[in-house]
Each structure stands twice: as structure tokens, then as C-alpha cells.
Amino acid sequence: MNLNSPLFDRIRTKGEPQERPAEPVRVRCNHPGCDLAGEYRAPMGRDREGQYFCFCMDHVREYNNSYNYFKGMSDEDVARYQKDALIGHRPTWTMGTKRGASGFREDGVDPAGFVDPMGLFRAQQQAHQAATARPRLPVATAKALSVMNLEETADAQTVRARYKELVKRLHPDANGGDRSREEKLREIIQAYKHLRSVKLA
């Protein structure tokens, strides 16, 4: 390695001495009638952001004590400004689009409307269908529903309505004392009791 190389000297040595910046220009205090130097900046106010007065120490203290950024604003404007200050006076938007629409991303995927052309999620779809499929009813419950001439999907309100209808139709008092349908009425009462015990009525 050549220690006398000019490249080596340029790396190791300090650069050329730089000129000193000129002395800052002294600004006079902006307060009327004051001849002192205005060394201290004070904001000019709302709608003039980035602009400053230059005051001496005494006048900047006086200005700061009387300064009110919200001067001339109504209470509603001040409240709106404070609310916007929480987010830095920047516009905000809700997360996502069409937030109230069905199928919004927080709702999850609707399995009925989900299309899987490659069959990648077939196992999950079958598991979902099995979970949502209505379980088979026990034999006694299915027989009780058939006695009342109801489908397996009948809800409690439908069962109660059918029971009332059949009792009114088959009761001996509604048939002028005719007891020929009494056996059918007993079957319906037993079926209804069973449906109530399994919480279907």
C-alpha cells in the first residue's frame, strides 16, 4: 500500500475549511414603538399558520398571555375542532366497503353461496351440511307427529294449533255426546303429551 497516494490523503484528511455562515440579520421587535431586537417568534394566529411575529422578551410574554387561538369561533366550532384534533384533522373512513351489506367480510363466508369448482373444500362443505341437517327424530316422536297428521319439520306453534283444532273437532261435547271418536281423541292426547315431553309442543 502506498501511503503517499492522493486518494489515501483525501480519505484521511479533513475537508477544505468551509466559510462561516453570515451573522443572522437582526430583526426589530414587531411591537409598535419598540426598538429592541425581535429574537422570539410568536404565531400570528388561526388561518395564518406558519407565519410569525418577532418580539422582544417582554412583548412576547405579553403576547402569549393574551393569545387565544379560538378567538372569534363559536362553541360548536371549538367542539368540532377539538373532535377533529383527535385524528389529526385528517379524514377517516370506515373499514371495508358496503358495511351493512350481506357478505361483509366480518360475517364470514356463506356456505350456501360458496362455489368450489376444484373441490378443494369438499370435506368442509360436507361437514357443514351434516351439521346443519336436521337430525332424524326418534320413532315415538315421528309416530306422534303422524298421529296428529304433521310433518317432521313442524314447530311447537304448529303442533299446539293442530292439537287445539283436533280436540275441538273430536271431543264428544262438540259432537252432541257422540263417543265414537273418543279412541282417536285419546291417541291425539297421548301424542301431544309425548311431543310436550320432548319439547316439540
N, C-alpha and C. Protein backbone atom coordinates (compact mmCIF):
# COMPACT_ATOMS: atom_id res chain seq x y z
N MET A 1 0.84 -1.16 0.00
CA MET A 1 0.00 0.00 0.00
C MET A 1 0.90 1.23 0.00
N ASN A 2 0.53 2.16 -0.87
CA ASN A 2 1.30 3.39 -1.00
C ASN A 2 0.69 4.45 -0.10
N LEU A 3 1.39 4.80 0.97
CA LEU A 3 0.86 5.78 1.91
C LEU A 3 0.91 7.20 1.34
N ASN A 4 1.62 7.39 0.26
CA ASN A 4 1.71 8.73 -0.34
C ASN A 4 0.66 8.94 -1.43
N SER A 5 -0.29 8.00 -1.56
CA SER A 5 -1.32 8.12 -2.59
C SER A 5 -2.24 9.31 -2.30
N PRO A 6 -2.59 10.09 -3.34
CA PRO A 6 -3.51 11.22 -3.12
C PRO A 6 -4.90 10.75 -2.68
N LEU A 7 -5.32 9.53 -3.09
CA LEU A 7 -6.62 9.01 -2.67
C LEU A 7 -6.64 8.76 -1.17
N PHE A 8 -5.53 8.23 -0.68
CA PHE A 8 -5.44 7.93 0.74
C PHE A 8 -5.47 9.23 1.54
N ASP A 9 -4.80 10.26 1.05
CA ASP A 9 -4.76 11.55 1.73
C ASP A 9 -6.16 12.18 1.77
N ARG A 10 -6.93 12.02 0.69
CA ARG A 10 -8.25 12.62 0.64
C ARG A 10 -9.22 11.96 1.62
N ILE A 11 -9.04 10.67 1.85
CA ILE A 11 -9.92 9.95 2.76
C ILE A 11 -9.59 10.31 4.20
N ARG A 12 -8.30 10.38 4.50
CA ARG A 12 -7.86 10.54 5.88
C ARG A 12 -7.89 11.97 6.38
N THR A 13 -7.77 12.91 5.52
CA THR A 13 -7.64 14.29 5.99
C THR A 13 -8.99 14.97 6.03
N LYS A 14 -9.07 16.03 6.78
CA LYS A 14 -10.28 16.82 6.85
C LYS A 14 -10.46 17.55 5.55
N GLY A 15 -11.73 17.87 5.27
CA GLY A 15 -12.02 18.59 4.04
C GLY A 15 -11.52 20.03 4.12
N GLU A 16 -11.76 20.72 3.03
CA GLU A 16 -11.36 22.12 2.97
C GLU A 16 -12.15 22.91 4.01
N PRO A 17 -11.53 23.88 4.61
CA PRO A 17 -12.27 24.69 5.58
C PRO A 17 -13.42 25.42 4.89
N GLN A 18 -14.60 25.34 5.51
CA GLN A 18 -15.79 25.96 4.93
C GLN A 18 -15.96 27.36 5.52
N GLU A 19 -16.60 28.18 4.71
CA GLU A 19 -16.83 29.55 5.17
C GLU A 19 -17.89 29.52 6.26
N ARG A 20 -17.73 30.39 7.21
CA ARG A 20 -18.72 30.51 8.27
C ARG A 20 -19.97 31.19 7.73
N PRO A 21 -21.14 30.73 8.21
CA PRO A 21 -22.35 31.41 7.74
C PRO A 21 -22.37 32.85 8.25
N ALA A 22 -23.00 33.68 7.46
CA ALA A 22 -23.07 35.09 7.83
C ALA A 22 -23.89 35.24 9.09
N GLU A 23 -23.63 36.29 9.80
CA GLU A 23 -24.38 36.58 11.02
C GLU A 23 -25.85 36.77 10.65
N PRO A 24 -26.78 36.21 11.46
CA PRO A 24 -28.18 36.40 11.15
C PRO A 24 -28.56 37.88 11.22
N VAL A 25 -29.47 38.22 10.34
CA VAL A 25 -29.92 39.60 10.30
C VAL A 25 -30.78 39.86 11.53
N ARG A 26 -30.47 40.92 12.21
CA ARG A 26 -31.24 41.28 13.40
C ARG A 26 -32.57 41.89 12.96
N VAL A 27 -33.66 41.34 13.50
CA VAL A 27 -34.99 41.85 13.19
C VAL A 27 -35.46 42.68 14.38
N ARG A 28 -36.09 43.78 14.07
CA ARG A 28 -36.58 44.64 15.14
C ARG A 28 -37.90 44.07 15.67
N CYS A 29 -38.20 44.30 16.92
CA CYS A 29 -39.44 43.84 17.57
C CYS A 29 -40.63 44.41 16.80
N ASN A 30 -41.64 43.52 16.54
CA ASN A 30 -42.82 43.94 15.79
C ASN A 30 -43.82 44.74 16.61
N HIS A 31 -43.58 44.87 17.90
CA HIS A 31 -44.49 45.66 18.72
C HIS A 31 -44.28 47.13 18.39
N PRO A 32 -45.39 47.89 18.17
CA PRO A 32 -45.22 49.31 17.80
C PRO A 32 -44.47 50.09 18.87
N GLY A 33 -43.48 50.86 18.41
CA GLY A 33 -42.72 51.73 19.29
C GLY A 33 -41.57 51.06 20.00
N CYS A 34 -41.30 49.75 19.74
CA CYS A 34 -40.20 49.06 20.42
C CYS A 34 -39.01 48.96 19.47
N ASP A 35 -37.82 49.35 19.95
CA ASP A 35 -36.62 49.33 19.12
C ASP A 35 -35.69 48.16 19.45
N LEU A 36 -36.11 47.26 20.35
CA LEU A 36 -35.26 46.13 20.72
C LEU A 36 -35.28 45.06 19.62
N ALA A 37 -34.35 44.14 19.71
CA ALA A 37 -34.27 43.05 18.72
C ALA A 37 -35.42 42.06 18.94
N GLY A 38 -36.07 41.66 17.85
CA GLY A 38 -37.15 40.67 17.92
C GLY A 38 -36.60 39.27 17.79
N GLU A 39 -36.13 38.71 18.89
CA GLU A 39 -35.47 37.40 18.86
C GLU A 39 -36.45 36.24 19.07
N TYR A 40 -37.67 36.53 19.48
CA TYR A 40 -38.61 35.46 19.84
C TYR A 40 -39.82 35.48 18.92
N ARG A 41 -40.11 34.30 18.38
CA ARG A 41 -41.23 34.20 17.43
C ARG A 41 -42.53 33.90 18.17
N ALA A 42 -43.63 34.45 17.65
CA ALA A 42 -44.96 34.19 18.19
C ALA A 42 -45.90 33.99 17.00
N PRO A 43 -46.77 32.96 17.06
CA PRO A 43 -47.65 32.68 15.91
C PRO A 43 -48.63 33.81 15.67
N MET A 44 -48.93 34.05 14.39
CA MET A 44 -49.85 35.14 14.04
C MET A 44 -51.30 34.76 14.30
N GLY A 45 -51.64 33.49 14.33
CA GLY A 45 -53.00 33.09 14.67
C GLY A 45 -53.61 32.13 13.67
N ARG A 46 -54.87 31.82 13.90
CA ARG A 46 -55.61 30.88 13.07
C ARG A 46 -55.69 31.41 11.63
N ASP A 47 -55.65 30.52 10.67
CA ASP A 47 -55.67 30.81 9.23
C ASP A 47 -54.39 31.50 8.75
N ARG A 48 -53.41 31.62 9.62
CA ARG A 48 -52.11 32.17 9.21
C ARG A 48 -51.00 31.28 9.75
N GLU A 49 -51.23 29.97 9.67
CA GLU A 49 -50.26 29.02 10.19
C GLU A 49 -48.94 29.15 9.44
N GLY A 50 -47.83 29.04 10.18
CA GLY A 50 -46.50 29.15 9.58
C GLY A 50 -46.00 30.58 9.49
N GLN A 51 -46.79 31.54 9.92
CA GLN A 51 -46.38 32.95 9.92
C GLN A 51 -46.22 33.40 11.37
N TYR A 52 -45.19 34.20 11.60
CA TYR A 52 -44.85 34.56 12.98
C TYR A 52 -44.56 36.04 13.11
N PHE A 53 -44.83 36.57 14.30
CA PHE A 53 -44.35 37.89 14.71
C PHE A 53 -43.01 37.67 15.39
N CYS A 54 -42.17 38.69 15.35
CA CYS A 54 -40.90 38.64 16.09
C CYS A 54 -40.98 39.71 17.18
N PHE A 55 -40.82 39.27 18.41
CA PHE A 55 -40.94 40.17 19.55
C PHE A 55 -39.69 40.06 20.43
N CYS A 56 -39.51 41.10 21.24
CA CYS A 56 -38.50 41.02 22.30
C CYS A 56 -39.09 40.20 23.44
N MET A 57 -38.31 39.91 24.45
CA MET A 57 -38.75 39.04 25.53
C MET A 57 -39.99 39.58 26.24
N ASP A 58 -40.02 40.86 26.57
CA ASP A 58 -41.16 41.43 27.29
C ASP A 58 -42.44 41.37 26.46
N HIS A 59 -42.33 41.73 25.20
CA HIS A 59 -43.52 41.76 24.36
C HIS A 59 -44.00 40.37 23.95
N VAL A 60 -43.12 39.40 23.84
CA VAL A 60 -43.56 38.04 23.53
C VAL A 60 -44.30 37.45 24.73
N ARG A 61 -43.87 37.78 25.94
CA ARG A 61 -44.60 37.32 27.14
C ARG A 61 -46.00 37.95 27.18
N GLU A 62 -46.08 39.22 26.90
CA GLU A 62 -47.36 39.92 26.89
C GLU A 62 -48.28 39.33 25.81
N TYR A 63 -47.72 39.06 24.65
CA TYR A 63 -48.50 38.49 23.54
C TYR A 63 -49.00 37.09 23.90
N ASN A 64 -48.14 36.25 24.47
CA ASN A 64 -48.53 34.89 24.83
C ASN A 64 -49.61 34.86 25.90
N ASN A 65 -49.58 35.80 26.83
CA ASN A 65 -50.62 35.85 27.87
C ASN A 65 -51.98 36.21 27.28
N SER A 66 -52.00 36.98 26.22
CA SER A 66 -53.29 37.40 25.64
C SER A 66 -53.68 36.59 24.41
N TYR A 67 -52.86 35.65 24.01
CA TYR A 67 -53.11 34.89 22.76
C TYR A 67 -54.24 33.89 22.96
N ASN A 68 -55.20 33.85 22.02
CA ASN A 68 -56.31 32.91 22.05
C ASN A 68 -56.54 32.43 20.62
N TYR A 69 -56.19 31.19 20.35
CA TYR A 69 -56.32 30.62 19.00
C TYR A 69 -57.79 30.57 18.57
N PHE A 70 -58.69 30.36 19.54
CA PHE A 70 -60.11 30.16 19.22
C PHE A 70 -60.91 31.46 19.25
N LYS A 71 -60.26 32.58 19.28
CA LYS A 71 -60.96 33.86 19.32
C LYS A 71 -61.80 34.02 18.05
N GLY A 72 -63.08 34.37 18.24
CA GLY A 72 -63.97 34.56 17.10
C GLY A 72 -64.69 33.30 16.67
N MET A 73 -64.43 32.15 17.31
CA MET A 73 -65.09 30.90 16.95
C MET A 73 -66.24 30.63 17.92
N SER A 74 -67.33 30.04 17.41
CA SER A 74 -68.46 29.69 18.28
C SER A 74 -68.11 28.42 19.07
N ASP A 75 -68.93 28.14 20.07
CA ASP A 75 -68.69 26.95 20.89
C ASP A 75 -68.77 25.67 20.05
N GLU A 76 -69.70 25.64 19.08
CA GLU A 76 -69.82 24.46 18.22
C GLU A 76 -68.56 24.27 17.37
N ASP A 77 -68.01 25.39 16.87
CA ASP A 77 -66.79 25.31 16.06
C ASP A 77 -65.62 24.82 16.90
N VAL A 78 -65.54 25.29 18.14
CA VAL A 78 -64.45 24.85 19.03
C VAL A 78 -64.59 23.36 19.32
N ALA A 79 -65.82 22.90 19.60
CA ALA A 79 -66.04 21.48 19.88
C ALA A 79 -65.69 20.63 18.66
N ARG A 80 -66.08 21.08 17.46
CA ARG A 80 -65.75 20.35 16.24
C ARG A 80 -64.24 20.29 16.03
N TYR A 81 -63.55 21.41 16.30
CA TYR A 81 -62.09 21.45 16.15
C TYR A 81 -61.44 20.46 17.11
N GLN A 82 -61.92 20.42 18.36
CA GLN A 82 -61.33 19.51 19.34
C GLN A 82 -61.57 18.05 18.96
N LYS A 83 -62.76 17.78 18.41
CA LYS A 83 -63.04 16.41 17.98
C LYS A 83 -62.13 16.01 16.82
N ASP A 84 -61.95 16.91 15.86
CA ASP A 84 -61.07 16.62 14.72
C ASP A 84 -59.61 16.52 15.14
N ALA A 85 -59.26 17.19 16.23
CA ALA A 85 -57.87 17.15 16.70
C ALA A 85 -57.48 15.74 17.16
N LEU A 86 -58.46 14.94 17.55
CA LEU A 86 -58.16 13.57 17.98
C LEU A 86 -57.56 12.73 16.87
N ILE A 87 -57.92 13.03 15.63
CA ILE A 87 -57.42 12.25 14.49
C ILE A 87 -56.48 13.08 13.62
N GLY A 88 -55.99 14.19 14.17
CA GLY A 88 -55.02 15.00 13.45
C GLY A 88 -55.62 15.78 12.30
N HIS A 89 -56.91 16.07 12.36
CA HIS A 89 -57.60 16.84 11.33
C HIS A 89 -57.49 16.19 9.95
N ARG A 90 -57.45 14.86 9.96
CA ARG A 90 -57.39 14.13 8.69
C ARG A 90 -58.69 13.38 8.49
N PRO A 91 -59.10 13.17 7.24
CA PRO A 91 -60.35 12.43 7.01
C PRO A 91 -60.19 10.96 7.38
N THR A 92 -61.28 10.35 7.83
CA THR A 92 -61.25 8.92 8.17
C THR A 92 -62.38 8.23 7.43
N TRP A 93 -62.22 6.92 7.23
CA TRP A 93 -63.23 6.12 6.55
C TRP A 93 -63.47 4.87 7.37
N THR A 94 -64.66 4.29 7.23
CA THR A 94 -64.94 3.04 7.91
C THR A 94 -64.14 1.92 7.25
N MET A 95 -63.90 0.87 7.99
CA MET A 95 -63.16 -0.26 7.45
C MET A 95 -64.03 -1.02 6.46
N GLY A 96 -63.53 -1.30 5.28
CA GLY A 96 -64.25 -2.06 4.28
C GLY A 96 -65.25 -1.19 3.54
N THR A 97 -65.96 -1.79 2.62
CA THR A 97 -66.96 -1.07 1.85
C THR A 97 -68.30 -1.75 2.02
N LYS A 98 -69.35 -0.99 1.86
CA LYS A 98 -70.72 -1.52 1.99
C LYS A 98 -70.86 -2.29 3.28
N ARG A 99 -70.57 -1.64 4.39
CA ARG A 99 -70.52 -2.30 5.68
C ARG A 99 -71.84 -2.99 6.06
N GLY A 100 -72.98 -2.44 5.66
CA GLY A 100 -74.25 -3.03 6.03
C GLY A 100 -74.70 -4.15 5.12
N ALA A 101 -74.00 -4.36 4.01
CA ALA A 101 -74.44 -5.36 3.04
C ALA A 101 -74.17 -6.77 3.55
N SER A 102 -74.95 -7.73 3.04
CA SER A 102 -74.70 -9.12 3.42
C SER A 102 -73.41 -9.59 2.76
N GLY A 103 -72.72 -10.49 3.40
CA GLY A 103 -71.47 -10.98 2.85
C GLY A 103 -70.30 -10.09 3.19
N PHE A 104 -70.49 -9.14 4.12
CA PHE A 104 -69.37 -8.31 4.54
C PHE A 104 -68.34 -9.21 5.18
N ARG A 105 -67.07 -8.86 5.07
CA ARG A 105 -66.02 -9.80 5.43
C ARG A 105 -66.08 -10.27 6.88
N GLU A 106 -66.66 -9.46 7.81
CA GLU A 106 -66.74 -9.89 9.20
C GLU A 106 -67.83 -10.93 9.40
N ASP A 107 -68.75 -11.05 8.44
CA ASP A 107 -69.82 -12.04 8.56
C ASP A 107 -69.32 -13.44 8.26
N GLY A 108 -68.19 -13.58 7.62
CA GLY A 108 -67.70 -14.88 7.22
C GLY A 108 -68.26 -15.28 5.87
N VAL A 109 -67.93 -16.46 5.43
CA VAL A 109 -68.35 -16.92 4.11
C VAL A 109 -69.67 -17.65 4.26
N ASP A 110 -70.62 -17.35 3.38
CA ASP A 110 -71.90 -18.04 3.36
C ASP A 110 -71.71 -19.38 2.63
N PRO A 111 -71.83 -20.50 3.34
CA PRO A 111 -71.57 -21.80 2.69
C PRO A 111 -72.52 -22.08 1.54
N ALA A 112 -73.75 -21.56 1.60
CA ALA A 112 -74.71 -21.85 0.53
C ALA A 112 -74.29 -21.16 -0.77
N GLY A 113 -73.69 -19.95 -0.65
CA GLY A 113 -73.31 -19.22 -1.85
C GLY A 113 -71.86 -19.43 -2.27
N PHE A 114 -71.16 -20.30 -1.57
CA PHE A 114 -69.75 -20.53 -1.84
C PHE A 114 -69.59 -21.53 -2.99
N VAL A 115 -68.81 -21.18 -3.99
CA VAL A 115 -68.59 -22.07 -5.14
C VAL A 115 -67.17 -22.60 -5.06
N ASP A 116 -67.03 -23.91 -5.16
CA ASP A 116 -65.73 -24.56 -5.08
C ASP A 116 -65.54 -25.44 -6.31
N PRO A 117 -65.16 -24.84 -7.47
CA PRO A 117 -65.08 -25.63 -8.71
C PRO A 117 -64.01 -26.70 -8.67
N MET A 118 -62.96 -26.52 -7.90
CA MET A 118 -61.88 -27.51 -7.87
C MET A 118 -62.09 -28.58 -6.80
N GLY A 119 -63.09 -28.41 -5.94
CA GLY A 119 -63.36 -29.40 -4.90
C GLY A 119 -62.35 -29.37 -3.77
N LEU A 120 -61.71 -28.23 -3.57
CA LEU A 120 -60.69 -28.13 -2.52
C LEU A 120 -61.28 -28.17 -1.12
N PHE A 121 -62.51 -27.70 -0.98
CA PHE A 121 -63.11 -27.59 0.35
C PHE A 121 -64.31 -28.53 0.49
N ARG A 122 -64.30 -29.62 -0.25
CA ARG A 122 -65.43 -30.54 -0.25
C ARG A 122 -65.66 -31.14 1.14
N ALA A 123 -64.61 -31.50 1.83
CA ALA A 123 -64.76 -32.11 3.16
C ALA A 123 -65.40 -31.13 4.14
N GLN A 124 -64.98 -29.86 4.08
CA GLN A 124 -65.56 -28.85 4.97
C GLN A 124 -67.03 -28.63 4.63
N GLN A 125 -67.38 -28.63 3.33
CA GLN A 125 -68.77 -28.42 2.93
C GLN A 125 -69.65 -29.59 3.40
N GLN A 126 -69.13 -30.80 3.27
CA GLN A 126 -69.91 -31.96 3.71
C GLN A 126 -70.11 -31.94 5.22
N ALA A 127 -69.07 -31.53 5.95
CA ALA A 127 -69.19 -31.44 7.41
C ALA A 127 -70.23 -30.38 7.79
N HIS A 128 -70.22 -29.27 7.05
CA HIS A 128 -71.19 -28.20 7.33
C HIS A 128 -72.61 -28.68 7.03
N GLN A 129 -72.79 -29.38 5.92
CA GLN A 129 -74.12 -29.88 5.57
C GLN A 129 -74.60 -30.89 6.60
N ALA A 130 -73.70 -31.73 7.09
CA ALA A 130 -74.09 -32.72 8.10
C ALA A 130 -74.48 -32.03 9.41
N ALA A 131 -73.77 -30.96 9.75
CA ALA A 131 -74.06 -30.25 11.00
C ALA A 131 -75.38 -29.50 10.92
N THR A 132 -75.69 -28.96 9.74
CA THR A 132 -76.92 -28.18 9.61
C THR A 132 -78.13 -29.04 9.27
N ALA A 133 -77.91 -30.28 8.84
CA ALA A 133 -79.05 -31.15 8.51
C ALA A 133 -79.82 -31.48 9.79
N ARG A 134 -81.14 -31.51 9.68
CA ARG A 134 -81.97 -31.80 10.86
C ARG A 134 -81.78 -33.27 11.24
N PRO A 135 -81.52 -33.56 12.51
CA PRO A 135 -81.32 -34.95 12.91
C PRO A 135 -82.62 -35.74 12.80
N ARG A 136 -82.49 -37.03 12.56
CA ARG A 136 -83.66 -37.90 12.47
C ARG A 136 -84.34 -37.95 13.83
N LEU A 137 -85.67 -37.93 13.78
CA LEU A 137 -86.43 -37.98 15.02
C LEU A 137 -86.55 -39.42 15.50
N PRO A 138 -86.67 -39.60 16.81
CA PRO A 138 -86.91 -40.95 17.32
C PRO A 138 -88.25 -41.48 16.80
N VAL A 139 -88.40 -42.78 16.83
CA VAL A 139 -89.58 -43.43 16.25
C VAL A 139 -90.85 -42.97 16.95
N ALA A 140 -90.81 -42.87 18.28
CA ALA A 140 -92.02 -42.48 19.03
C ALA A 140 -92.43 -41.05 18.67
N THR A 141 -91.47 -40.16 18.49
CA THR A 141 -91.77 -38.77 18.14
C THR A 141 -92.33 -38.70 16.73
N ALA A 142 -91.73 -39.44 15.81
CA ALA A 142 -92.24 -39.46 14.43
C ALA A 142 -93.66 -40.02 14.39
N LYS A 143 -93.94 -41.06 15.20
CA LYS A 143 -95.28 -41.64 15.23
C LYS A 143 -96.29 -40.64 15.80
N ALA A 144 -95.89 -39.90 16.85
CA ALA A 144 -96.78 -38.91 17.46
C ALA A 144 -97.12 -37.82 16.45
N LEU A 145 -96.14 -37.40 15.67
CA LEU A 145 -96.40 -36.37 14.64
C LEU A 145 -97.33 -36.90 13.56
N SER A 146 -97.16 -38.18 13.19
CA SER A 146 -98.03 -38.74 12.15
C SER A 146 -99.46 -38.92 12.66
N VAL A 147 -99.63 -39.24 13.95
CA VAL A 147 -100.97 -39.34 14.53
C VAL A 147 -101.70 -38.00 14.41
N MET A 148 -100.94 -36.91 14.60
CA MET A 148 -101.55 -35.57 14.51
C MET A 148 -101.53 -35.05 13.08
N ASN A 149 -101.06 -35.89 12.14
CA ASN A 149 -101.01 -35.55 10.71
C ASN A 149 -100.13 -34.31 10.47
N LEU A 150 -98.90 -34.34 11.03
CA LEU A 150 -97.94 -33.24 10.90
C LEU A 150 -96.65 -33.73 10.26
N GLU A 151 -95.91 -32.81 9.63
CA GLU A 151 -94.59 -33.11 9.05
C GLU A 151 -93.54 -33.16 10.17
N GLU A 152 -92.39 -33.77 9.85
CA GLU A 152 -91.31 -33.83 10.84
C GLU A 152 -90.70 -32.47 11.12
N THR A 153 -90.90 -31.52 10.23
CA THR A 153 -90.32 -30.18 10.41
C THR A 153 -91.25 -29.24 11.16
N ALA A 154 -92.37 -29.73 11.68
CA ALA A 154 -93.35 -28.88 12.36
C ALA A 154 -92.73 -28.29 13.63
N ASP A 155 -93.04 -27.02 13.87
CA ASP A 155 -92.53 -26.37 15.08
C ASP A 155 -93.58 -26.43 16.18
N ALA A 156 -93.23 -25.93 17.37
CA ALA A 156 -94.09 -26.04 18.55
C ALA A 156 -95.42 -25.31 18.34
N GLN A 157 -95.38 -24.16 17.69
CA GLN A 157 -96.61 -23.39 17.47
C GLN A 157 -97.58 -24.16 16.57
N THR A 158 -97.06 -24.80 15.54
CA THR A 158 -97.90 -25.59 14.63
C THR A 158 -98.50 -26.79 15.36
N VAL A 159 -97.71 -27.43 16.21
CA VAL A 159 -98.19 -28.60 16.97
C VAL A 159 -99.34 -28.18 17.88
N ARG A 160 -99.17 -27.07 18.61
CA ARG A 160 -100.22 -26.61 19.53
C ARG A 160 -101.50 -26.25 18.78
N ALA A 161 -101.35 -25.57 17.64
CA ALA A 161 -102.52 -25.18 16.85
C ALA A 161 -103.28 -26.42 16.34
N ARG A 162 -102.54 -27.43 15.87
CA ARG A 162 -103.18 -28.65 15.36
C ARG A 162 -103.87 -29.40 16.50
N TYR A 163 -103.24 -29.43 17.68
CA TYR A 163 -103.84 -30.12 18.84
C TYR A 163 -105.17 -29.47 19.20
N LYS A 164 -105.21 -28.15 19.28
CA LYS A 164 -106.45 -27.45 19.63
C LYS A 164 -107.55 -27.74 18.60
N GLU A 165 -107.15 -27.72 17.33
CA GLU A 165 -108.11 -27.96 16.25
C GLU A 165 -108.72 -29.37 16.36
N LEU A 166 -107.85 -30.39 16.58
CA LEU A 166 -108.32 -31.77 16.63
C LEU A 166 -109.19 -32.03 17.87
N VAL A 167 -108.81 -31.44 18.99
CA VAL A 167 -109.59 -31.64 20.21
C VAL A 167 -110.98 -31.05 20.05
N LYS A 168 -111.04 -29.86 19.47
CA LYS A 168 -112.36 -29.24 19.26
C LYS A 168 -113.22 -30.07 18.31
N ARG A 169 -112.60 -30.67 17.32
CA ARG A 169 -113.35 -31.45 16.33
C ARG A 169 -113.79 -32.80 16.88
N LEU A 170 -112.94 -33.47 17.70
CA LEU A 170 -113.22 -34.85 18.13
C LEU A 170 -113.85 -34.97 19.51
N HIS A 171 -113.90 -33.94 20.30
CA HIS A 171 -114.41 -34.04 21.66
C HIS A 171 -115.92 -34.36 21.61
N PRO A 172 -116.39 -35.26 22.49
CA PRO A 172 -117.82 -35.64 22.48
C PRO A 172 -118.76 -34.45 22.69
N ASP A 173 -118.34 -33.45 23.48
CA ASP A 173 -119.22 -32.31 23.72
C ASP A 173 -119.45 -31.51 22.44
N ALA A 174 -118.46 -31.52 21.54
CA ALA A 174 -118.61 -30.79 20.27
C ALA A 174 -119.42 -31.60 19.26
N ASN A 175 -119.65 -32.92 19.52
CA ASN A 175 -120.36 -33.78 18.59
C ASN A 175 -121.72 -34.24 19.16
N GLY A 176 -122.25 -33.46 20.02
CA GLY A 176 -123.58 -33.80 20.58
C GLY A 176 -123.57 -35.06 21.42
N GLY A 177 -122.45 -35.35 22.13
CA GLY A 177 -122.37 -36.51 23.00
C GLY A 177 -121.97 -37.78 22.28
N ASP A 178 -121.63 -37.73 20.99
CA ASP A 178 -121.22 -38.91 20.23
C ASP A 178 -119.83 -39.34 20.68
N ARG A 179 -119.72 -40.58 21.20
CA ARG A 179 -118.44 -41.07 21.73
C ARG A 179 -117.72 -41.98 20.74
N SER A 180 -118.11 -41.99 19.51
CA SER A 180 -117.49 -42.88 18.53
C SER A 180 -116.06 -42.44 18.19
N ARG A 181 -115.74 -41.22 18.37
CA ARG A 181 -114.38 -40.72 18.06
C ARG A 181 -113.52 -40.57 19.32
N GLU A 182 -113.98 -41.10 20.42
CA GLU A 182 -113.26 -40.95 21.68
C GLU A 182 -111.89 -41.63 21.64
N GLU A 183 -111.78 -42.79 20.98
CA GLU A 183 -110.50 -43.50 20.90
C GLU A 183 -109.45 -42.69 20.12
N LYS A 184 -109.88 -42.06 19.04
CA LYS A 184 -108.98 -41.20 18.26
C LYS A 184 -108.54 -40.00 19.10
N LEU A 185 -109.45 -39.45 19.89
CA LEU A 185 -109.12 -38.31 20.76
C LEU A 185 -108.06 -38.71 21.79
N ARG A 186 -108.17 -39.93 22.36
CA ARG A 186 -107.16 -40.41 23.33
C ARG A 186 -105.77 -40.50 22.66
N GLU A 187 -105.74 -41.02 21.44
CA GLU A 187 -104.46 -41.13 20.71
C GLU A 187 -103.82 -39.74 20.52
N ILE A 188 -104.64 -38.78 20.17
CA ILE A 188 -104.12 -37.42 19.94
C ILE A 188 -103.62 -36.81 21.24
N ILE A 189 -104.34 -37.04 22.34
CA ILE A 189 -103.90 -36.50 23.64
C ILE A 189 -102.58 -37.15 24.05
N GLN A 190 -102.44 -38.47 23.86
CA GLN A 190 -101.19 -39.17 24.18
C GLN A 190 -100.04 -38.65 23.30
N ALA A 191 -100.32 -38.47 22.01
CA ALA A 191 -99.29 -37.96 21.09
C ALA A 191 -98.84 -36.56 21.50
N TYR A 192 -99.80 -35.72 21.89
CA TYR A 192 -99.47 -34.36 22.31
C TYR A 192 -98.64 -34.36 23.58
N LYS A 193 -99.00 -35.23 24.54
CA LYS A 193 -98.22 -35.34 25.79
C LYS A 193 -96.78 -35.75 25.47
N HIS A 194 -96.63 -36.71 24.55
CA HIS A 194 -95.26 -37.13 24.19
C HIS A 194 -94.48 -35.96 23.54
N LEU A 195 -95.12 -35.22 22.62
CA LEU A 195 -94.44 -34.10 21.96
C LEU A 195 -94.07 -33.00 22.97
N ARG A 196 -94.92 -32.82 24.00
CA ARG A 196 -94.57 -31.84 25.04
C ARG A 196 -93.37 -32.34 25.85
N SER A 197 -93.29 -33.64 26.09
CA SER A 197 -92.18 -34.18 26.89
C SER A 197 -90.84 -34.06 26.16
N VAL A 198 -90.87 -34.08 24.83
CA VAL A 198 -89.63 -33.92 24.06
C VAL A 198 -89.45 -32.47 23.57
N LYS A 199 -90.25 -31.59 24.15
CA LYS A 199 -90.14 -30.14 23.90
C LYS A 199 -90.42 -29.76 22.44
N LEU A 200 -91.37 -30.46 21.83
CA LEU A 200 -91.81 -30.09 20.48
C LEU A 200 -93.17 -29.42 20.51
N ALA A 201 -93.70 -29.19 21.70
CA ALA A 201 -95.01 -28.52 21.81
C ALA A 201 -94.99 -27.59 23.00
